[in-house]
Amino acid sequence: MRVGIISFAHGHAYSYTNTLAELEGVKIAGIADENENRGIKAAKQFNTKHYLKYEDLLNEPIDAVIITSENSNHYKHVKAAAKKGIHILCEKPLAHNLKDAQAIIEVCNEHQVILQMAFPVRFNTPVMKGKEIIDSGQLGRLIAIKATNRGTNPAGWFADRSKSGGGAVIDHTVHVVDIMRWYMGAEVKEVYAEVGNLISELNIDDSGMLTMEFDNNVFATLDCSWSRNKGYPTWGDVTLEIIGTNGTLTIDAFGQKNNVYNNEKVYWDFWGDNMNKKLIIDFISTVREGKRPSITGEDGLKALGVAIAAYESSEKNEPIKLK
């Protein structure tokens, strides 16, 4: 299978491409990146060809493409790939606004190509085990969820609203909302959020606290802030505390680590599984077998809708009902 990568703007591109390089029967067909220096460096690292124009990569005989460009470029890259009949794995969020996200789904349906969302947290072992426990009924009826997905401000284009669509709220809400929807098979019906710029000097939201009500009457809170300081051991966390009528389940997605202390700093020695690798393996399998993706474009749209509603709620200082 020949797989291309469009843009190394997003840091996950390196992890995804590392996995492609390890998979038997998969060839990295090329890397397209309009940032010439970055693209050439990545192409050398992965022993493939660099294309300055993504159109030139898509004109090659490739089966699938991984899109890890800036959020605002997702639509044009997806549209071009779909028109060529090339299957797509798209980095989250699906787009920087709902209009483009809906258009992405429509163009992929029109050209009958697979569109899979890059929500790797679904492939994290503690998170998958949580799904098993909830599905088994051990917790009884779910009542509430308290979640976090905190991190550091990645700066660069992430802090440019025209390219990202927003800051911490759009960046970190979508992961956890996707997990909640997956766990419960329920949709968010109302969002109240407080969003602000409290930490970083960059003009972008770095703090967000969401309260959500689902259509199964579960309510949830999410701290999605970029509140980790520069010296923190890693980029973020994903935790969930799930309360049911029969018990409480606590999940720490990145708890598979040792805390290492020396005279200069504290760092994490992560020994756990590689959820990004599992995501790529799942996508390759989906394309090979021509099956429905495990995480669809509609999943991406629903998660993005919650983040967009959170911004609206903060601006209006009132709860926002989702359609």
C-alpha atoms as a PDB file:
ATOM      1  CA  MET A   1       0.000   0.000   0.000  1.00  0.00           C
ATOM      2  CA  ARG A   2       1.326   3.425  -0.970  1.00  0.00           C
ATOM      3  CA  VAL A   3       0.603   6.160   1.579  1.00  0.00           C
ATOM      4  CA  GLY A   4       1.452   9.861   1.349  1.00  0.00           C
ATOM      5  CA  ILE A   5       1.610  12.553   4.008  1.00  0.00           C
ATOM      6  CA  ILE A   6       0.439  16.112   3.473  1.00  0.00           C
ATOM      7  CA  SER A   7       2.257  18.631   5.681  1.00  0.00           C
ATOM      8  CA  PHE A   8       4.376  18.209   8.788  1.00  0.00           C
ATOM      9  CA  ALA A   9       2.781  21.297  10.364  1.00  0.00           C
ATOM     10  CA  HIS A  10       1.295  19.121  13.108  1.00  0.00           C
ATOM     11  CA  GLY A  11       3.714  17.313  15.405  1.00  0.00           C
ATOM     12  CA  HIS A  12       1.784  14.043  15.172  1.00  0.00           C
ATOM     13  CA  ALA A  13       3.013  13.702  11.581  1.00  0.00           C
ATOM     14  CA  TYR A  14       6.333  12.352  12.838  1.00  0.00           C
ATOM     15  CA  SER A  15       4.763   9.684  15.020  1.00  0.00           C
ATOM     16  CA  TYR A  16       2.345   8.603  12.294  1.00  0.00           C
ATOM     17  CA  THR A  17       5.085   8.405   9.665  1.00  0.00           C
ATOM     18  CA  ASN A  18       7.363   6.457  12.009  1.00  0.00           C
ATOM     19  CA  THR A  19       4.662   3.804  12.217  1.00  0.00           C
ATOM     20  CA  LEU A  20       4.190   3.726   8.441  1.00  0.00           C
ATOM     21  CA  ALA A  21       7.921   3.111   8.056  1.00  0.00           C
ATOM     22  CA  GLU A  22       7.653   0.052  10.332  1.00  0.00           C
ATOM     23  CA  LEU A  23       4.655  -1.608   8.701  1.00  0.00           C
ATOM     24  CA  GLU A  24       5.138  -4.509   6.343  1.00  0.00           C
ATOM     25  CA  GLY A  25       3.571  -3.998   2.938  1.00  0.00           C
ATOM     26  CA  VAL A  26       3.356  -0.209   3.346  1.00  0.00           C
ATOM     27  CA  LYS A  27       5.447   2.280   1.388  1.00  0.00           C
ATOM     28  CA  ILE A  28       5.740   5.969   2.209  1.00  0.00           C
ATOM     29  CA  ALA A  29       4.995   7.358  -1.234  1.00  0.00           C
ATOM     30  CA  GLY A  30       6.062  10.912  -0.470  1.00  0.00           C
ATOM     31  CA  ILE A  31       5.722  13.926   1.771  1.00  0.00           C
ATOM     32  CA  ALA A  32       4.104  17.135   0.545  1.00  0.00           C
ATOM     33  CA  ASP A  33       4.932  20.264   2.515  1.00  0.00           C
ATOM     34  CA  GLU A  34       4.879  23.869   1.322  1.00  0.00           C
ATOM     35  CA  ASN A  35       7.423  24.612   4.059  1.00  0.00           C
ATOM     36  CA  GLU A  36      10.359  23.490   1.936  1.00  0.00           C
ATOM     37  CA  ASN A  37      12.971  23.164   4.666  1.00  0.00           C
ATOM     38  CA  ARG A  38      10.638  21.198   6.928  1.00  0.00           C
ATOM     39  CA  GLY A  39       9.467  19.002   4.086  1.00  0.00           C
ATOM     40  CA  ILE A  40      12.948  18.194   2.802  1.00  0.00           C
ATOM     41  CA  LYS A  41      14.129  17.368   6.321  1.00  0.00           C
ATOM     42  CA  ALA A  42      11.185  14.999   6.881  1.00  0.00           C
ATOM     43  CA  ALA A  43      11.610  13.367   3.471  1.00  0.00           C
ATOM     44  CA  LYS A  44      15.278  12.666   4.208  1.00  0.00           C
ATOM     45  CA  GLN A  45      14.415  11.269   7.623  1.00  0.00           C
ATOM     46  CA  PHE A  46      11.907   8.829   6.134  1.00  0.00           C
ATOM     47  CA  ASN A  47      13.821   8.099   2.927  1.00  0.00           C
ATOM     48  CA  THR A  48      11.143   9.341   0.570  1.00  0.00           C
ATOM     49  CA  LYS A  49      10.493  12.175  -1.876  1.00  0.00           C
ATOM     50  CA  HIS A  50       9.490  15.704  -0.970  1.00  0.00           C
ATOM     51  CA  TYR A  51       6.798  17.513  -2.957  1.00  0.00           C
ATOM     52  CA  LEU A  52       6.518  21.259  -2.583  1.00  0.00           C
ATOM     53  CA  LYS A  53       2.954  21.144  -3.966  1.00  0.00           C
ATOM     54  CA  TYR A  54       0.443  18.705  -2.495  1.00  0.00           C
ATOM     55  CA  GLU A  55      -1.212  18.384  -5.908  1.00  0.00           C
ATOM     56  CA  ASP A  56       1.952  16.754  -7.260  1.00  0.00           C
ATOM     57  CA  LEU A  57       1.902  14.131  -4.513  1.00  0.00           C
ATOM     58  CA  LEU A  58      -1.772  13.396  -5.154  1.00  0.00           C
ATOM     59  CA  ASN A  59      -1.039  12.881  -8.859  1.00  0.00           C
ATOM     60  CA  GLU A  60       1.146   9.910  -7.924  1.00  0.00           C
ATOM     61  CA  PRO A  61      -0.389   6.416  -7.700  1.00  0.00           C
ATOM     62  CA  ILE A  62      -1.158   6.374  -3.972  1.00  0.00           C
ATOM     63  CA  ASP A  63      -3.866   4.551  -2.034  1.00  0.00           C
ATOM     64  CA  ALA A  64      -4.181   6.738   1.044  1.00  0.00           C
ATOM     65  CA  VAL A  65      -3.013   9.994   2.525  1.00  0.00           C
ATOM     66  CA  ILE A  66      -2.535  11.276   6.063  1.00  0.00           C
ATOM     67  CA  ILE A  67      -3.353  14.961   6.437  1.00  0.00           C
ATOM     68  CA  THR A  68      -1.512  16.706   9.260  1.00  0.00           C
ATOM     69  CA  SER A  69      -1.653  20.289   8.062  1.00  0.00           C
ATOM     70  CA  GLU A  70      -2.955  23.390   9.821  1.00  0.00           C
ATOM     71  CA  ASN A  71      -6.654  23.076  10.709  1.00  0.00           C
ATOM     72  CA  SER A  72      -7.657  25.731   8.161  1.00  0.00           C
ATOM     73  CA  ASN A  73      -6.021  23.718   5.354  1.00  0.00           C
ATOM     74  CA  HIS A  74      -7.781  20.434   6.077  1.00  0.00           C
ATOM     75  CA  TYR A  75     -10.659  21.084   3.702  1.00  0.00           C
ATOM     76  CA  LYS A  76      -8.602  21.923   0.621  1.00  0.00           C
ATOM     77  CA  HIS A  77      -6.304  18.958   1.230  1.00  0.00           C
ATOM     78  CA  VAL A  78      -9.180  16.527   1.849  1.00  0.00           C
ATOM     79  CA  LYS A  79     -11.084  17.818  -1.168  1.00  0.00           C
ATOM     80  CA  ALA A  80      -8.102  17.355  -3.469  1.00  0.00           C
ATOM     81  CA  ALA A  81      -7.425  13.836  -2.192  1.00  0.00           C
ATOM     82  CA  ALA A  82     -11.074  12.783  -2.350  1.00  0.00           C
ATOM     83  CA  LYS A  83     -11.383  13.904  -5.966  1.00  0.00           C
ATOM     84  CA  LYS A  84      -8.476  11.585  -6.769  1.00  0.00           C
ATOM     85  CA  GLY A  85     -10.210   8.652  -5.037  1.00  0.00           C
ATOM     86  CA  ILE A  86      -7.569   8.563  -2.296  1.00  0.00           C
ATOM     87  CA  HIS A  87      -8.582   7.436   1.198  1.00  0.00           C
ATOM     88  CA  ILE A  88      -7.937   9.872   4.042  1.00  0.00           C
ATOM     89  CA  LEU A  89      -6.866   9.992   7.669  1.00  0.00           C
ATOM     90  CA  CYS A  90      -7.385  13.572   8.882  1.00  0.00           C
ATOM     91  CA  GLU A  91      -5.771  15.067  11.971  1.00  0.00           C
ATOM     92  CA  LYS A  92      -8.091  16.563  14.574  1.00  0.00           C
ATOM     93  CA  PRO A  93     -10.035  18.810  14.682  1.00  0.00           C
ATOM     94  CA  LEU A  94     -11.756  17.967  11.416  1.00  0.00           C
ATOM     95  CA  ALA A  95     -11.612  21.659  10.415  1.00  0.00           C
ATOM     96  CA  HIS A  96     -11.325  25.109  11.964  1.00  0.00           C
ATOM     97  CA  ASN A  97     -15.058  25.744  11.555  1.00  0.00           C
ATOM     98  CA  LEU A  98     -18.273  23.764  11.115  1.00  0.00           C
ATOM     99  CA  LYS A  99     -18.848  24.839   7.513  1.00  0.00           C
ATOM    100  CA  ASP A 100     -15.570  23.336   6.327  1.00  0.00           C
ATOM    101  CA  ALA A 101     -16.071  20.244   8.491  1.00  0.00           C
ATOM    102  CA  GLN A 102     -19.449  19.545   6.884  1.00  0.00           C
ATOM    103  CA  ALA A 103     -17.976  20.142   3.428  1.00  0.00           C
ATOM    104  CA  ILE A 104     -15.200  17.621   4.171  1.00  0.00           C
ATOM    105  CA  ILE A 105     -17.740  14.921   4.965  1.00  0.00           C
ATOM    106  CA  GLU A 106     -19.786  15.709   1.879  1.00  0.00           C
ATOM    107  CA  VAL A 107     -16.865  15.619  -0.564  1.00  0.00           C
ATOM    108  CA  CYS A 108     -15.674  12.276   0.837  1.00  0.00           C
ATOM    109  CA  ASN A 109     -19.184  10.808   0.549  1.00  0.00           C
ATOM    110  CA  GLU A 110     -19.507  12.155  -2.979  1.00  0.00           C
ATOM    111  CA  HIS A 111     -16.303  10.461  -4.121  1.00  0.00           C
ATOM    112  CA  GLN A 112     -16.836   7.360  -1.963  1.00  0.00           C
ATOM    113  CA  VAL A 113     -13.509   7.524  -0.153  1.00  0.00           C
ATOM    114  CA  ILE A 114     -12.797   6.514   3.427  1.00  0.00           C
ATOM    115  CA  LEU A 115     -12.537   9.430   5.846  1.00  0.00           C
ATOM    116  CA  GLN A 116     -11.135   8.506   9.244  1.00  0.00           C
ATOM    117  CA  MET A 117     -10.528  10.912  12.114  1.00  0.00           C
ATOM    118  CA  ALA A 118      -7.229  10.938  13.991  1.00  0.00           C
ATOM    119  CA  PHE A 119      -8.519  10.489  17.542  1.00  0.00           C
ATOM    120  CA  PRO A 120      -5.737   8.200  18.840  1.00  0.00           C
ATOM    121  CA  VAL A 121      -6.904   8.352  22.463  1.00  0.00           C
ATOM    122  CA  ARG A 122      -9.523   5.730  21.575  1.00  0.00           C
ATOM    123  CA  PHE A 123      -6.631   3.294  21.143  1.00  0.00           C
ATOM    124  CA  ASN A 124      -5.084   3.993  24.549  1.00  0.00           C
ATOM    125  CA  THR A 125      -5.185   0.869  26.748  1.00  0.00           C
ATOM    126  CA  PRO A 126      -6.615   2.488  29.932  1.00  0.00           C
ATOM    127  CA  VAL A 127      -9.247   4.272  27.815  1.00  0.00           C
ATOM    128  CA  MET A 128     -10.182   1.051  25.983  1.00  0.00           C
ATOM    129  CA  LYS A 129     -10.420  -0.797  29.295  1.00  0.00           C
ATOM    130  CA  GLY A 130     -12.748   1.929  30.550  1.00  0.00           C
ATOM    131  CA  LYS A 131     -15.003   1.305  27.563  1.00  0.00           C
ATOM    132  CA  GLU A 132     -15.136  -2.409  28.411  1.00  0.00           C
ATOM    133  CA  ILE A 133     -16.085  -1.723  32.031  1.00  0.00           C
ATOM    134  CA  ILE A 134     -18.831   0.739  31.070  1.00  0.00           C
ATOM    135  CA  ASP A 135     -20.242  -1.620  28.432  1.00  0.00           C
ATOM    136  CA  SER A 136     -20.277  -4.477  30.959  1.00  0.00           C
ATOM    137  CA  GLY A 137     -22.721  -2.546  33.145  1.00  0.00           C
ATOM    138  CA  GLN A 138     -20.523  -2.749  36.247  1.00  0.00           C
ATOM    139  CA  LEU A 139     -20.941   0.968  36.935  1.00  0.00           C
ATOM    140  CA  GLY A 140     -24.698   0.838  36.620  1.00  0.00           C
ATOM    141  CA  ARG A 141     -26.388   3.908  35.167  1.00  0.00           C
ATOM    142  CA  LEU A 142     -23.904   6.682  34.464  1.00  0.00           C
ATOM    143  CA  ILE A 143     -24.554   9.959  36.257  1.00  0.00           C
ATOM    144  CA  ALA A 144     -21.604  12.283  35.654  1.00  0.00           C
ATOM    145  CA  ILE A 145     -18.091  12.597  34.238  1.00  0.00           C
ATOM    146  CA  LYS A 146     -15.251  14.870  35.343  1.00  0.00           C
ATOM    147  CA  ALA A 147     -12.482  15.129  32.759  1.00  0.00           C
ATOM    148  CA  THR A 148      -9.252  16.955  31.998  1.00  0.00           C
ATOM    149  CA  ASN A 149      -7.084  17.414  28.935  1.00  0.00           C
ATOM    150  CA  ARG A 150      -4.555  20.002  30.011  1.00  0.00           C
ATOM    151  CA  GLY A 151      -1.332  20.879  28.263  1.00  0.00           C
ATOM    152  CA  THR A 152       1.081  23.602  27.249  1.00  0.00           C
ATOM    153  CA  ASN A 153       0.552  26.271  24.612  1.00  0.00           C
ATOM    154  CA  PRO A 154       2.208  24.858  21.466  1.00  0.00           C
ATOM    155  CA  ALA A 155       2.497  28.377  19.961  1.00  0.00           C
ATOM    156  CA  GLY A 156       3.216  28.714  16.227  1.00  0.00           C
ATOM    157  CA  TRP A 157       0.156  28.345  14.027  1.00  0.00           C
ATOM    158  CA  PHE A 158      -1.807  26.885  16.966  1.00  0.00           C
ATOM    159  CA  ALA A 159      -1.937  30.428  18.353  1.00  0.00           C
ATOM    160  CA  ASP A 160      -3.050  31.920  15.015  1.00  0.00           C
ATOM    161  CA  ARG A 161      -6.845  31.845  15.070  1.00  0.00           C
ATOM    162  CA  SER A 162      -7.083  32.137  11.266  1.00  0.00           C
ATOM    163  CA  LYS A 163      -5.225  28.815  10.936  1.00  0.00           C
ATOM    164  CA  SER A 164      -6.349  26.963  14.055  1.00  0.00           C
ATOM    165  CA  GLY A 165      -9.895  28.213  14.629  1.00  0.00           C
ATOM    166  CA  GLY A 166      -9.089  28.820  18.281  1.00  0.00           C
ATOM    167  CA  GLY A 167      -6.748  27.880  21.069  1.00  0.00           C
ATOM    168  CA  ALA A 168      -6.969  25.415  23.930  1.00  0.00           C
ATOM    169  CA  VAL A 169     -10.719  24.877  23.634  1.00  0.00           C
ATOM    170  CA  ILE A 170     -10.759  23.716  20.023  1.00  0.00           C
ATOM    171  CA  ASP A 171      -7.443  21.889  20.426  1.00  0.00           C
ATOM    172  CA  HIS A 172      -8.200  19.843  23.547  1.00  0.00           C
ATOM    173  CA  THR A 173     -11.985  19.609  23.778  1.00  0.00           C
ATOM    174  CA  VAL A 174     -12.434  17.396  20.725  1.00  0.00           C
ATOM    175  CA  HIS A 175     -10.373  14.471  22.077  1.00  0.00           C
ATOM    176  CA  VAL A 176     -12.306  14.103  25.304  1.00  0.00           C
ATOM    177  CA  VAL A 177     -15.747  14.797  23.852  1.00  0.00           C
ATOM    178  CA  ASP A 178     -15.075  12.026  21.342  1.00  0.00           C
ATOM    179  CA  ILE A 179     -14.263   9.619  24.183  1.00  0.00           C
ATOM    180  CA  MET A 180     -17.405  10.585  26.098  1.00  0.00           C
ATOM    181  CA  ARG A 181     -19.607  10.103  23.023  1.00  0.00           C
ATOM    182  CA  TRP A 182     -17.942   6.752  22.313  1.00  0.00           C
ATOM    183  CA  TYR A 183     -18.346   5.570  25.893  1.00  0.00           C
ATOM    184  CA  MET A 184     -22.015   6.406  26.170  1.00  0.00           C
ATOM    185  CA  GLY A 185     -23.395   6.408  22.626  1.00  0.00           C
ATOM    186  CA  ALA A 186     -24.915   9.754  23.571  1.00  0.00           C
ATOM    187  CA  GLU A 187     -24.737  13.292  22.209  1.00  0.00           C
ATOM    188  CA  VAL A 188     -24.068  16.602  23.922  1.00  0.00           C
ATOM    189  CA  LYS A 189     -27.282  18.633  23.934  1.00  0.00           C
ATOM    190  CA  GLU A 190     -26.149  21.721  25.864  1.00  0.00           C
ATOM    191  CA  VAL A 191     -22.825  23.415  26.637  1.00  0.00           C
ATOM    192  CA  TYR A 192     -21.876  26.134  29.065  1.00  0.00           C
ATOM    193  CA  ALA A 193     -18.271  27.329  29.000  1.00  0.00           C
ATOM    194  CA  GLU A 194     -15.941  29.918  30.392  1.00  0.00           C
ATOM    195  CA  VAL A 195     -13.020  30.637  28.064  1.00  0.00           C
ATOM    196  CA  GLY A 196     -10.161  33.068  28.501  1.00  0.00           C
ATOM    197  CA  ASN A 197      -6.569  34.093  28.011  1.00  0.00           C
ATOM    198  CA  LEU A 198      -5.148  33.878  31.528  1.00  0.00           C
ATOM    199  CA  ILE A 199      -1.663  32.402  31.224  1.00  0.00           C
ATOM    200  CA  SER A 200       0.055  32.959  27.903  1.00  0.00           C
ATOM    201  CA  GLU A 201       1.107  36.285  26.412  1.00  0.00           C
ATOM    202  CA  LEU A 202      -0.123  35.065  23.029  1.00  0.00           C
ATOM    203  CA  ASN A 203      -3.509  36.413  21.923  1.00  0.00           C
ATOM    204  CA  ILE A 204      -5.394  33.120  21.980  1.00  0.00           C
ATOM    205  CA  ASP A 205      -7.546  31.265  24.503  1.00  0.00           C
ATOM    206  CA  ASP A 206      -5.374  29.211  26.823  1.00  0.00           C
ATOM    207  CA  SER A 207      -7.976  28.462  29.503  1.00  0.00           C
ATOM    208  CA  GLY A 208     -11.303  26.724  29.189  1.00  0.00           C
ATOM    209  CA  MET A 209     -13.798  25.046  31.484  1.00  0.00           C
ATOM    210  CA  LEU A 210     -16.813  23.333  29.925  1.00  0.00           C
ATOM    211  CA  THR A 211     -19.970  21.936  31.470  1.00  0.00           C
ATOM    212  CA  MET A 212     -21.952  19.659  29.169  1.00  0.00           C
ATOM    213  CA  GLU A 213     -25.302  17.932  29.373  1.00  0.00           C
ATOM    214  CA  PHE A 214     -25.818  14.805  27.274  1.00  0.00           C
ATOM    215  CA  ASP A 215     -29.087  13.523  25.871  1.00  0.00           C
ATOM    216  CA  ASN A 216     -28.915  10.539  28.266  1.00  0.00           C
ATOM    217  CA  ASN A 217     -29.034  13.016  31.204  1.00  0.00           C
ATOM    218  CA  VAL A 218     -25.345  12.598  32.100  1.00  0.00           C
ATOM    219  CA  PHE A 219     -23.584  15.877  32.855  1.00  0.00           C
ATOM    220  CA  ALA A 220     -19.853  16.333  32.408  1.00  0.00           C
ATOM    221  CA  THR A 221     -17.139  18.880  33.081  1.00  0.00           C
ATOM    222  CA  LEU A 222     -13.906  19.322  31.152  1.00  0.00           C
ATOM    223  CA  ASP A 223     -10.813  21.380  31.903  1.00  0.00           C
ATOM    224  CA  CYS A 224      -9.170  21.738  28.471  1.00  0.00           C
ATOM    225  CA  SER A 225      -6.698  24.479  29.397  1.00  0.00           C
ATOM    226  CA  TRP A 226      -3.135  24.940  28.212  1.00  0.00           C
ATOM    227  CA  SER A 227      -2.221  25.374  31.877  1.00  0.00           C
ATOM    228  CA  ARG A 228       0.985  23.338  32.119  1.00  0.00           C
ATOM    229  CA  ASN A 229       4.126  25.408  32.579  1.00  0.00           C
ATOM    230  CA  LYS A 230       7.157  25.033  30.306  1.00  0.00           C
ATOM    231  CA  GLY A 231       8.974  22.857  32.810  1.00  0.00           C
ATOM    232  CA  TYR A 232       6.177  20.288  33.107  1.00  0.00           C
ATOM    233  CA  PRO A 233       7.301  16.764  32.163  1.00  0.00           C
ATOM    234  CA  THR A 234       5.012  16.328  29.145  1.00  0.00           C
ATOM    235  CA  TRP A 235       2.562  18.039  26.823  1.00  0.00           C
ATOM    236  CA  GLY A 236      -0.693  17.235  28.613  1.00  0.00           C
ATOM    237  CA  ASP A 237      -2.952  14.699  30.213  1.00  0.00           C
ATOM    238  CA  VAL A 238      -6.254  12.935  29.640  1.00  0.00           C
ATOM    239  CA  THR A 239      -8.124  11.892  32.762  1.00  0.00           C
ATOM    240  CA  LEU A 240     -11.724  10.884  33.371  1.00  0.00           C
ATOM    241  CA  GLU A 241     -13.602  10.254  36.588  1.00  0.00           C
ATOM    242  CA  ILE A 242     -16.849   8.493  35.728  1.00  0.00           C
ATOM    243  CA  ILE A 243     -19.597   8.242  38.349  1.00  0.00           C
ATOM    244  CA  GLY A 244     -22.267   5.577  38.077  1.00  0.00           C
ATOM    245  CA  THR A 245     -25.022   4.335  40.350  1.00  0.00           C
ATOM    246  CA  ASN A 246     -22.911   1.275  41.253  1.00  0.00           C
ATOM    247  CA  GLY A 247     -19.444   2.770  41.456  1.00  0.00           C
ATOM    248  CA  THR A 248     -16.814   5.209  40.258  1.00  0.00           C
ATOM    249  CA  LEU A 249     -14.176   4.602  37.581  1.00  0.00           C
ATOM    250  CA  THR A 250     -10.994   6.692  37.355  1.00  0.00           C
ATOM    251  CA  ILE A 251      -8.944   6.675  34.138  1.00  0.00           C
ATOM    252  CA  ASP A 252      -5.508   8.204  33.608  1.00  0.00           C
ATOM    253  CA  ALA A 253      -4.649   7.747  29.945  1.00  0.00           C
ATOM    254  CA  PHE A 254      -0.985   8.625  30.455  1.00  0.00           C
ATOM    255  CA  GLY A 255      -0.501   6.917  33.797  1.00  0.00           C
ATOM    256  CA  GLN A 256       1.687   4.221  32.220  1.00  0.00           C
ATOM    257  CA  LYS A 257       4.916   5.919  33.305  1.00  0.00           C
ATOM    258  CA  ASN A 258       7.591   6.230  35.941  1.00  0.00           C
ATOM    259  CA  ASN A 259       8.334   9.570  37.588  1.00  0.00           C
ATOM    260  CA  VAL A 260      12.079  10.161  37.347  1.00  0.00           C
ATOM    261  CA  TYR A 261      13.750  12.743  39.576  1.00  0.00           C
ATOM    262  CA  ASN A 262      17.242  14.205  39.280  1.00  0.00           C
ATOM    263  CA  ASN A 263      18.988  17.355  40.499  1.00  0.00           C
ATOM    264  CA  GLU A 264      17.769  19.426  37.567  1.00  0.00           C
ATOM    265  CA  LYS A 265      14.230  18.364  36.774  1.00  0.00           C
ATOM    266  CA  VAL A 266      11.464  15.805  36.961  1.00  0.00           C
ATOM    267  CA  TYR A 267      10.583  13.858  33.844  1.00  0.00           C
ATOM    268  CA  TRP A 268       8.334  10.985  32.863  1.00  0.00           C
ATOM    269  CA  ASP A 269       9.701   7.682  31.616  1.00  0.00           C
ATOM    270  CA  PHE A 270       6.720   6.449  29.623  1.00  0.00           C
ATOM    271  CA  TRP A 271       6.567   2.668  29.315  1.00  0.00           C
ATOM    272  CA  GLY A 272       2.999   2.375  28.036  1.00  0.00           C
ATOM    273  CA  ASP A 273       1.536   1.521  24.674  1.00  0.00           C
ATOM    274  CA  ASN A 274       1.699   3.696  21.559  1.00  0.00           C
ATOM    275  CA  MET A 275      -1.818   4.862  20.758  1.00  0.00           C
ATOM    276  CA  ASN A 276      -0.656   6.760  17.657  1.00  0.00           C
ATOM    277  CA  LYS A 277       0.781   3.531  16.269  1.00  0.00           C
ATOM    278  CA  LYS A 278      -2.477   1.680  16.934  1.00  0.00           C
ATOM    279  CA  LEU A 279      -4.404   4.438  15.150  1.00  0.00           C
ATOM    280  CA  ILE A 280      -2.269   4.116  12.015  1.00  0.00           C
ATOM    281  CA  ILE A 281      -2.490   0.316  12.035  1.00  0.00           C
ATOM    282  CA  ASP A 282      -6.273   0.597  12.319  1.00  0.00           C
ATOM    283  CA  PHE A 283      -6.430   3.066   9.407  1.00  0.00           C
ATOM    284  CA  ILE A 284      -4.250   0.892   7.161  1.00  0.00           C
ATOM    285  CA  SER A 285      -6.429  -2.120   7.982  1.00  0.00           C
ATOM    286  CA  THR A 286      -9.572  -0.100   7.218  1.00  0.00           C
ATOM    287  CA  VAL A 287      -8.274   0.886   3.776  1.00  0.00           C
ATOM    288  CA  ARG A 288      -7.049  -2.623   2.938  1.00  0.00           C
ATOM    289  CA  GLU A 289     -10.357  -4.206   3.900  1.00  0.00           C
ATOM    290  CA  GLY A 290     -12.543  -1.404   2.568  1.00  0.00           C
ATOM    291  CA  LYS A 291     -14.514  -1.280   5.815  1.00  0.00           C
ATOM    292  CA  ARG A 292     -16.254   1.528   7.669  1.00  0.00           C
ATOM    293  CA  PRO A 293     -13.724   3.546   9.695  1.00  0.00           C
ATOM    294  CA  SER A 294     -13.748   3.076  13.444  1.00  0.00           C
ATOM    295  CA  ILE A 295     -13.759   6.867  13.904  1.00  0.00           C
ATOM    296  CA  THR A 296     -15.774   8.635  11.217  1.00  0.00           C
ATOM    297  CA  GLY A 297     -15.912  12.146   9.859  1.00  0.00           C
ATOM    298  CA  GLU A 298     -19.261  12.494  11.615  1.00  0.00           C
ATOM    299  CA  ASP A 299     -17.494  11.750  14.900  1.00  0.00           C
ATOM    300  CA  GLY A 300     -15.112  14.575  14.104  1.00  0.00           C
ATOM    301  CA  LEU A 301     -17.971  16.923  13.258  1.00  0.00           C
ATOM    302  CA  LYS A 302     -19.831  16.188  16.515  1.00  0.00           C
ATOM    303  CA  ALA A 303     -16.737  16.784  18.639  1.00  0.00           C
ATOM    304  CA  LEU A 304     -15.923  20.009  16.804  1.00  0.00           C
ATOM    305  CA  GLY A 305     -19.505  21.201  17.273  1.00  0.00           C
ATOM    306  CA  VAL A 306     -19.105  21.068  21.034  1.00  0.00           C
ATOM    307  CA  ALA A 307     -15.916  23.157  20.919  1.00  0.00           C
ATOM    308  CA  ILE A 308     -17.554  25.754  18.661  1.00  0.00           C
ATOM    309  CA  ALA A 309     -20.565  25.895  20.994  1.00  0.00           C
ATOM    310  CA  ALA A 310     -18.214  26.436  23.932  1.00  0.00           C
ATOM    311  CA  TYR A 311     -16.801  29.560  22.315  1.00  0.00           C
ATOM    312  CA  GLU A 312     -20.310  30.843  21.625  1.00  0.00           C
ATOM    313  CA  SER A 313     -21.358  30.133  25.204  1.00  0.00           C
ATOM    314  CA  SER A 314     -18.394  32.046  26.590  1.00  0.00           C
ATOM    315  CA  GLU A 315     -19.069  35.038  24.347  1.00  0.00           C
ATOM    316  CA  LYS A 316     -22.756  35.175  25.239  1.00  0.00           C
ATOM    317  CA  ASN A 317     -22.298  34.088  28.861  1.00  0.00           C
ATOM    318  CA  GLU A 318     -25.127  31.588  28.556  1.00  0.00           C
ATOM    319  CA  PRO A 319     -25.668  27.899  27.818  1.00  0.00           C
ATOM    320  CA  ILE A 320     -25.833  26.920  24.152  1.00  0.00           C
ATOM    321  CA  LYS A 321     -28.103  24.159  22.900  1.00  0.00           C
ATOM    322  CA  LEU A 322     -26.683  21.956  20.141  1.00  0.00           C
ATOM    323  CA  LYS A 323     -28.814  20.990  17.194  1.00  0.00           C
END
